[in-house]
Structures are given as C-alpha cells and as structure tokens.
Amino acid sequence: MSVRPNTFVPQSGAYIGERRAESREAVIGNLWMIDGHSSTILRCRCVDVSARGMRLRVPLGYGVREGQLYELTSHLPGQSSPPGLGLMVSRRAEVVRTRIISSDDEYNVDVGVQLAPTRTAKINNGDPITALA
C-alpha cells in the first residue's frame, strides 16, 4: 500500500513529503530580521531550528509574508557581540510559511523560514567569512 504525499502522520506530527518532517531542536533566542529592500529591521524570537530552516516568532504588524527574503543576524552591525564570541553570524532566509498565533496577552506571527545554503560570519573588524552550511 502506498501513502499519498501530504498525508498527516500523527506519530511524527508532520506530513509525508514535507520539509517540516526534518528533525527540529528547540532553540530559544533573539535574532534580527533585516529586509534590505524596505530597510525594515525587526527583532524576532527563534523557537526551533532544523538543518534547513527555522521557526520564528515575530510581532504582529510588520507585514511579514511568504516569499520575502531577509537577512537573519545574531546582532546588529555596530552592536557589541556576546562575550567571548567576537563575531556576528548572518544567514539569508526566505519566508515559506506564516500563521497568526495568540496567547492570553498578545498576538504574534509564527514564521517558518528556509535558510540559504551558505552562512556568513563577520569578525570584529568586519571581514566576512563565508562557509557552506
């Protein structure tokens, strides 16, 4: 018996043939989403990460939608890096999924992004180091 694509598998909580079937690790931390076209910079919270994507929480009202490209970065240029690291990690990402979620006191957008195949780190002096993911 064959299983059709997009069939929900309750044991894994994912659909067959879907990228979200990749294993995910819970990672809680703040990132910055930078849209170079509109000069929009917004702070987001990482919820989980896989080899090729991330799930982020973004405040409602910034117009984040599927197909948009952002630069995700650990901290903004000009900010001091976290102690002991001395670098800023940056990665291009495309929004592939959005969903409005609510809690008792706020509304947010749950954003799924697909990460670009390369990542860039910049050392304190601003020199980039690019590596394959």
N, C-alpha and C. Protein backbone atom coordinates (compact mmCIF):
# COMPACT_ATOMS: atom_id res chain seq x y z
N MET A 1 0.84 -1.18 0.00
CA MET A 1 0.00 0.00 0.00
C MET A 1 0.89 1.25 0.00
N SER A 2 0.65 2.17 -0.90
CA SER A 2 1.44 3.40 -0.95
C SER A 2 0.72 4.50 -0.18
N VAL A 3 1.52 5.47 0.28
CA VAL A 3 0.97 6.59 1.03
C VAL A 3 1.09 7.84 0.16
N ARG A 4 0.00 8.58 0.05
CA ARG A 4 0.00 9.79 -0.75
C ARG A 4 0.81 10.89 -0.09
N PRO A 5 1.49 11.74 -0.89
CA PRO A 5 2.16 12.91 -0.31
C PRO A 5 1.15 13.78 0.41
N ASN A 6 1.63 14.53 1.38
CA ASN A 6 0.81 15.42 2.20
C ASN A 6 -0.19 14.67 3.08
N THR A 7 0.11 13.41 3.38
CA THR A 7 -0.68 12.64 4.33
C THR A 7 -0.12 12.88 5.72
N PHE A 8 -0.98 13.25 6.65
CA PHE A 8 -0.53 13.56 8.01
C PHE A 8 -0.16 12.28 8.75
N VAL A 9 0.99 12.31 9.43
CA VAL A 9 1.46 11.18 10.22
C VAL A 9 1.45 11.60 11.68
N PRO A 10 0.45 11.15 12.46
CA PRO A 10 0.32 11.61 13.85
C PRO A 10 1.54 11.33 14.72
N GLN A 11 2.23 10.21 14.49
CA GLN A 11 3.39 9.86 15.32
C GLN A 11 4.49 10.92 15.23
N SER A 12 4.71 11.48 14.05
CA SER A 12 5.77 12.48 13.88
C SER A 12 5.25 13.90 13.95
N GLY A 13 3.94 14.08 13.81
CA GLY A 13 3.38 15.43 13.82
C GLY A 13 3.66 16.20 12.55
N ALA A 14 3.98 15.49 11.44
CA ALA A 14 4.33 16.14 10.19
C ALA A 14 3.60 15.45 9.03
N TYR A 15 3.76 16.02 7.85
CA TYR A 15 3.18 15.47 6.65
C TYR A 15 4.25 14.77 5.84
N ILE A 16 3.90 13.68 5.18
CA ILE A 16 4.84 12.97 4.31
C ILE A 16 5.18 13.86 3.13
N GLY A 17 6.46 13.89 2.75
CA GLY A 17 6.90 14.68 1.61
C GLY A 17 7.04 16.16 1.91
N GLU A 18 7.05 16.52 3.16
CA GLU A 18 7.14 17.92 3.54
C GLU A 18 8.47 18.17 4.27
N ARG A 19 9.07 19.34 4.03
CA ARG A 19 10.35 19.67 4.67
C ARG A 19 10.25 19.66 6.18
N ARG A 20 9.08 20.00 6.72
CA ARG A 20 8.96 20.09 8.16
C ARG A 20 9.10 18.73 8.85
N ALA A 21 9.28 17.66 8.08
CA ALA A 21 9.50 16.34 8.67
C ALA A 21 10.93 16.20 9.19
N GLU A 22 11.82 17.15 8.85
CA GLU A 22 13.19 17.12 9.37
C GLU A 22 13.15 17.25 10.89
N SER A 23 14.13 16.63 11.54
CA SER A 23 14.18 16.76 13.00
C SER A 23 14.46 18.20 13.38
N ARG A 24 13.84 18.64 14.46
CA ARG A 24 13.97 20.01 14.92
C ARG A 24 14.48 20.02 16.35
N GLU A 25 15.23 21.06 16.65
CA GLU A 25 15.75 21.26 18.00
C GLU A 25 15.17 22.55 18.54
N ALA A 26 14.68 22.52 19.76
CA ALA A 26 14.19 23.74 20.39
C ALA A 26 15.37 24.65 20.69
N VAL A 27 15.31 25.86 20.19
CA VAL A 27 16.35 26.86 20.42
C VAL A 27 15.63 28.16 20.71
N ILE A 28 15.81 28.68 21.89
CA ILE A 28 15.16 29.93 22.26
C ILE A 28 16.22 31.03 22.28
N GLY A 29 16.01 32.05 21.50
CA GLY A 29 16.95 33.16 21.46
C GLY A 29 16.43 34.25 20.56
N ASN A 30 16.97 35.44 20.70
CA ASN A 30 16.55 36.58 19.89
C ASN A 30 17.45 36.73 18.68
N LEU A 31 16.84 37.08 17.55
CA LEU A 31 17.55 37.37 16.31
C LEU A 31 16.97 38.66 15.73
N TRP A 32 17.64 39.17 14.71
CA TRP A 32 17.16 40.35 13.99
C TRP A 32 16.88 39.93 12.55
N MET A 33 15.74 40.35 12.02
CA MET A 33 15.38 40.14 10.62
C MET A 33 15.56 41.47 9.91
N ILE A 34 16.41 41.50 8.89
CA ILE A 34 16.70 42.73 8.16
C ILE A 34 16.23 42.56 6.72
N ASP A 35 15.33 43.44 6.29
CA ASP A 35 14.86 43.46 4.90
C ASP A 35 15.59 44.59 4.20
N GLY A 36 16.53 44.23 3.34
CA GLY A 36 17.34 45.23 2.65
C GLY A 36 16.57 46.10 1.69
N HIS A 37 15.45 45.60 1.15
CA HIS A 37 14.67 46.39 0.18
C HIS A 37 13.88 47.51 0.85
N SER A 38 13.29 47.22 1.99
CA SER A 38 12.46 48.23 2.64
C SER A 38 13.14 48.86 3.86
N SER A 39 14.36 48.41 4.16
CA SER A 39 15.11 48.88 5.32
C SER A 39 14.39 48.59 6.64
N THR A 40 13.53 47.58 6.63
CA THR A 40 12.84 47.16 7.85
C THR A 40 13.77 46.29 8.68
N ILE A 41 13.84 46.60 9.96
CA ILE A 41 14.62 45.79 10.89
C ILE A 41 13.70 45.43 12.05
N LEU A 42 13.52 44.14 12.30
CA LEU A 42 12.67 43.77 13.40
C LEU A 42 13.29 42.64 14.21
N ARG A 43 13.05 42.71 15.49
CA ARG A 43 13.56 41.69 16.41
C ARG A 43 12.57 40.52 16.41
N CYS A 44 13.10 39.32 16.38
CA CYS A 44 12.25 38.13 16.43
C CYS A 44 12.83 37.15 17.43
N ARG A 45 12.04 36.15 17.75
CA ARG A 45 12.48 35.13 18.70
C ARG A 45 12.51 33.80 17.99
N CYS A 46 13.63 33.10 18.06
CA CYS A 46 13.74 31.77 17.48
C CYS A 46 13.04 30.78 18.40
N VAL A 47 12.26 29.88 17.81
CA VAL A 47 11.54 28.87 18.57
C VAL A 47 12.19 27.51 18.39
N ASP A 48 12.47 27.15 17.12
CA ASP A 48 13.19 25.91 16.86
C ASP A 48 13.93 26.01 15.54
N VAL A 49 14.84 25.06 15.32
CA VAL A 49 15.70 25.08 14.15
C VAL A 49 15.90 23.66 13.63
N SER A 50 16.03 23.53 12.31
CA SER A 50 16.37 22.27 11.67
C SER A 50 17.58 22.54 10.77
N ALA A 51 18.01 21.54 10.03
CA ALA A 51 19.18 21.71 9.17
C ALA A 51 18.97 22.79 8.11
N ARG A 52 17.73 22.96 7.63
CA ARG A 52 17.49 23.91 6.54
C ARG A 52 16.48 25.00 6.85
N GLY A 53 16.04 25.10 8.11
CA GLY A 53 15.04 26.11 8.40
C GLY A 53 14.94 26.46 9.86
N MET A 54 14.11 27.45 10.13
CA MET A 54 13.87 27.91 11.49
C MET A 54 12.40 28.29 11.63
N ARG A 55 11.93 28.22 12.87
CA ARG A 55 10.61 28.75 13.19
C ARG A 55 10.83 29.92 14.12
N LEU A 56 10.26 31.06 13.75
CA LEU A 56 10.47 32.31 14.47
C LEU A 56 9.13 32.87 14.93
N ARG A 57 9.17 33.71 15.96
CA ARG A 57 8.00 34.48 16.40
C ARG A 57 8.30 35.94 16.15
N VAL A 58 7.39 36.58 15.43
CA VAL A 58 7.53 37.97 15.04
C VAL A 58 6.32 38.74 15.55
N PRO A 59 6.51 39.97 16.05
CA PRO A 59 5.34 40.76 16.46
C PRO A 59 4.40 41.01 15.28
N LEU A 60 3.14 41.02 15.55
CA LEU A 60 2.12 41.29 14.54
C LEU A 60 2.25 42.74 14.06
N GLY A 61 2.04 42.97 12.78
CA GLY A 61 2.00 44.34 12.27
C GLY A 61 3.18 44.74 11.41
N TYR A 62 4.15 43.86 11.19
CA TYR A 62 5.30 44.20 10.35
C TYR A 62 5.14 43.77 8.91
N GLY A 63 4.06 43.09 8.57
CA GLY A 63 3.79 42.70 7.18
C GLY A 63 4.67 41.58 6.67
N VAL A 64 5.15 40.71 7.55
CA VAL A 64 5.96 39.57 7.12
C VAL A 64 5.04 38.60 6.37
N ARG A 65 5.46 38.22 5.15
CA ARG A 65 4.63 37.33 4.35
C ARG A 65 5.50 36.35 3.55
N GLU A 66 4.86 35.29 3.09
CA GLU A 66 5.56 34.26 2.32
C GLU A 66 6.23 34.85 1.10
N GLY A 67 7.44 34.37 0.81
CA GLY A 67 8.21 34.82 -0.34
C GLY A 67 9.20 35.94 -0.04
N GLN A 68 9.07 36.61 1.08
CA GLN A 68 10.00 37.69 1.42
C GLN A 68 11.37 37.11 1.79
N LEU A 69 12.42 37.87 1.46
CA LEU A 69 13.78 37.49 1.80
C LEU A 69 14.30 38.41 2.90
N TYR A 70 14.94 37.83 3.88
CA TYR A 70 15.52 38.57 5.00
C TYR A 70 16.94 38.11 5.25
N GLU A 71 17.69 38.95 5.90
CA GLU A 71 18.99 38.58 6.46
C GLU A 71 18.74 38.37 7.94
N LEU A 72 18.98 37.17 8.44
CA LEU A 72 18.86 36.90 9.87
C LEU A 72 20.23 37.08 10.49
N THR A 73 20.30 37.80 11.58
CA THR A 73 21.59 38.06 12.21
C THR A 73 21.46 37.99 13.73
N SER A 74 22.56 37.61 14.36
CA SER A 74 22.56 37.45 15.81
C SER A 74 22.53 38.80 16.53
N HIS A 75 23.13 39.81 15.94
CA HIS A 75 23.05 41.16 16.49
C HIS A 75 23.35 42.16 15.37
N LEU A 76 22.90 43.35 15.55
CA LEU A 76 23.02 44.37 14.50
C LEU A 76 24.44 44.88 14.37
N PRO A 77 24.83 45.27 13.15
CA PRO A 77 26.14 45.89 12.98
C PRO A 77 26.29 47.09 13.91
N GLY A 78 27.44 47.22 14.53
CA GLY A 78 27.67 48.30 15.47
C GLY A 78 27.38 47.93 16.90
N GLN A 79 26.64 46.86 17.11
CA GLN A 79 26.39 46.38 18.47
C GLN A 79 27.58 45.51 18.90
N SER A 80 27.80 45.46 20.19
CA SER A 80 28.86 44.57 20.66
C SER A 80 28.36 43.14 20.60
N SER A 81 29.28 42.23 20.30
CA SER A 81 28.91 40.82 20.20
C SER A 81 28.80 40.22 21.59
N PRO A 82 28.12 39.07 21.70
CA PRO A 82 28.06 38.41 23.00
C PRO A 82 29.46 38.12 23.53
N PRO A 83 29.66 38.16 24.83
CA PRO A 83 31.00 37.97 25.40
C PRO A 83 31.66 36.69 24.92
N GLY A 84 32.92 36.82 24.52
CA GLY A 84 33.71 35.66 24.15
C GLY A 84 33.56 35.21 22.71
N LEU A 85 32.55 35.69 21.97
CA LEU A 85 32.38 35.23 20.61
C LEU A 85 33.15 36.09 19.61
N GLY A 86 33.01 37.39 19.69
CA GLY A 86 33.75 38.28 18.81
C GLY A 86 33.34 38.21 17.36
N LEU A 87 32.16 37.67 17.05
CA LEU A 87 31.72 37.63 15.66
C LEU A 87 30.21 37.80 15.58
N MET A 88 29.75 38.12 14.39
CA MET A 88 28.33 38.28 14.13
C MET A 88 27.96 37.26 13.08
N VAL A 89 27.03 36.37 13.37
CA VAL A 89 26.61 35.36 12.42
C VAL A 89 25.40 35.86 11.65
N SER A 90 25.42 35.67 10.33
CA SER A 90 24.37 36.17 9.47
C SER A 90 23.98 35.09 8.47
N ARG A 91 22.69 35.02 8.14
CA ARG A 91 22.22 33.99 7.20
C ARG A 91 21.02 34.51 6.44
N ARG A 92 21.02 34.36 5.11
CA ARG A 92 19.86 34.73 4.29
C ARG A 92 18.77 33.70 4.50
N ALA A 93 17.52 34.14 4.49
CA ALA A 93 16.40 33.24 4.69
C ALA A 93 15.18 33.73 3.92
N GLU A 94 14.38 32.78 3.44
CA GLU A 94 13.14 33.10 2.75
C GLU A 94 11.96 32.63 3.60
N VAL A 95 10.97 33.50 3.74
CA VAL A 95 9.77 33.15 4.48
C VAL A 95 8.96 32.17 3.64
N VAL A 96 8.68 30.99 4.21
CA VAL A 96 7.93 29.96 3.47
C VAL A 96 6.56 29.68 4.10
N ARG A 97 6.32 30.20 5.32
CA ARG A 97 5.06 29.93 5.99
C ARG A 97 4.83 30.99 7.05
N THR A 98 3.59 31.46 7.16
CA THR A 98 3.21 32.38 8.24
C THR A 98 1.87 31.93 8.82
N ARG A 99 1.70 32.20 10.12
CA ARG A 99 0.45 31.85 10.79
C ARG A 99 0.31 32.75 12.00
N ILE A 100 -0.83 33.38 12.16
CA ILE A 100 -1.07 34.23 13.33
C ILE A 100 -1.39 33.33 14.52
N ILE A 101 -0.74 33.60 15.64
CA ILE A 101 -0.99 32.86 16.87
C ILE A 101 -1.29 33.85 17.98
N SER A 102 -2.04 33.40 18.96
CA SER A 102 -2.39 34.29 20.07
C SER A 102 -2.19 33.58 21.39
N SER A 103 -1.88 34.38 22.38
CA SER A 103 -1.83 33.90 23.75
C SER A 103 -2.78 34.79 24.55
N ASP A 104 -2.80 34.64 25.85
CA ASP A 104 -3.72 35.43 26.66
C ASP A 104 -3.49 36.93 26.55
N ASP A 105 -2.22 37.34 26.34
CA ASP A 105 -1.92 38.76 26.39
C ASP A 105 -1.35 39.37 25.10
N GLU A 106 -1.13 38.55 24.04
CA GLU A 106 -0.55 39.13 22.83
C GLU A 106 -0.81 38.28 21.59
N TYR A 107 -0.65 38.91 20.43
CA TYR A 107 -0.72 38.24 19.14
C TYR A 107 0.66 38.29 18.52
N ASN A 108 1.06 37.22 17.85
CA ASN A 108 2.34 37.16 17.15
C ASN A 108 2.12 36.44 15.82
N VAL A 109 3.14 36.48 14.98
CA VAL A 109 3.13 35.71 13.75
C VAL A 109 4.17 34.61 13.90
N ASP A 110 3.74 33.38 13.70
CA ASP A 110 4.64 32.23 13.67
C ASP A 110 5.17 32.17 12.25
N VAL A 111 6.48 32.29 12.06
CA VAL A 111 7.08 32.41 10.74
C VAL A 111 8.04 31.24 10.51
N GLY A 112 7.82 30.51 9.42
CA GLY A 112 8.76 29.47 9.02
C GLY A 112 9.66 30.01 7.93
N VAL A 113 10.97 29.87 8.10
CA VAL A 113 11.91 30.34 7.09
C VAL A 113 12.79 29.19 6.61
N GLN A 114 13.13 29.24 5.32
CA GLN A 114 14.09 28.31 4.75
C GLN A 114 15.42 29.04 4.66
N LEU A 115 16.46 28.44 5.22
CA LEU A 115 17.77 29.07 5.26
C LEU A 115 18.52 28.89 3.95
N ALA A 116 19.28 29.91 3.55
CA ALA A 116 20.12 29.82 2.36
C ALA A 116 21.22 28.80 2.61
N PRO A 117 21.79 28.22 1.56
CA PRO A 117 22.78 27.16 1.74
C PRO A 117 24.15 27.62 2.23
N THR A 118 24.38 28.92 2.37
CA THR A 118 25.65 29.40 2.92
C THR A 118 25.40 30.30 4.10
N ARG A 119 26.38 30.43 4.95
CA ARG A 119 26.26 31.34 6.08
C ARG A 119 27.50 32.23 6.11
N THR A 120 27.34 33.38 6.70
CA THR A 120 28.44 34.33 6.77
C THR A 120 28.64 34.76 8.20
N ALA A 121 29.88 34.79 8.62
CA ALA A 121 30.22 35.34 9.94
C ALA A 121 31.14 36.52 9.70
N LYS A 122 31.00 37.54 10.48
CA LYS A 122 31.88 38.70 10.37
C LYS A 122 32.64 38.86 11.68
N ILE A 123 33.95 38.98 11.56
CA ILE A 123 34.79 39.16 12.73
C ILE A 123 34.69 40.61 13.17
N ASN A 124 35.17 40.91 14.38
CA ASN A 124 35.09 42.27 14.93
C ASN A 124 35.50 43.35 13.95
N ASN A 125 36.49 43.08 13.09
CA ASN A 125 36.94 44.11 12.16
C ASN A 125 36.03 44.24 10.93
N GLY A 126 35.00 43.40 10.84
CA GLY A 126 34.04 43.50 9.73
C GLY A 126 34.34 42.61 8.55
N ASP A 127 35.48 41.88 8.56
CA ASP A 127 35.80 40.98 7.46
C ASP A 127 34.86 39.78 7.45
N PRO A 128 34.24 39.48 6.29
CA PRO A 128 33.33 38.33 6.25
C PRO A 128 34.06 37.01 6.10
N ILE A 129 33.46 35.97 6.68
CA ILE A 129 33.93 34.60 6.50
C ILE A 129 32.70 33.84 6.03
N THR A 130 32.71 33.27 4.82
CA THR A 130 31.55 32.57 4.29
C THR A 130 31.86 31.08 4.24
N ALA A 131 30.89 30.26 4.64
CA ALA A 131 31.07 28.82 4.63
C ALA A 131 29.79 28.15 4.19
N LEU A 132 29.91 26.96 3.61
CA LEU A 132 28.73 26.18 3.28
C LEU A 132 28.07 25.72 4.56
N ALA A 133 26.77 25.60 4.52
CA ALA A 133 26.04 25.16 5.71
C ALA A 133 26.31 23.70 6.00
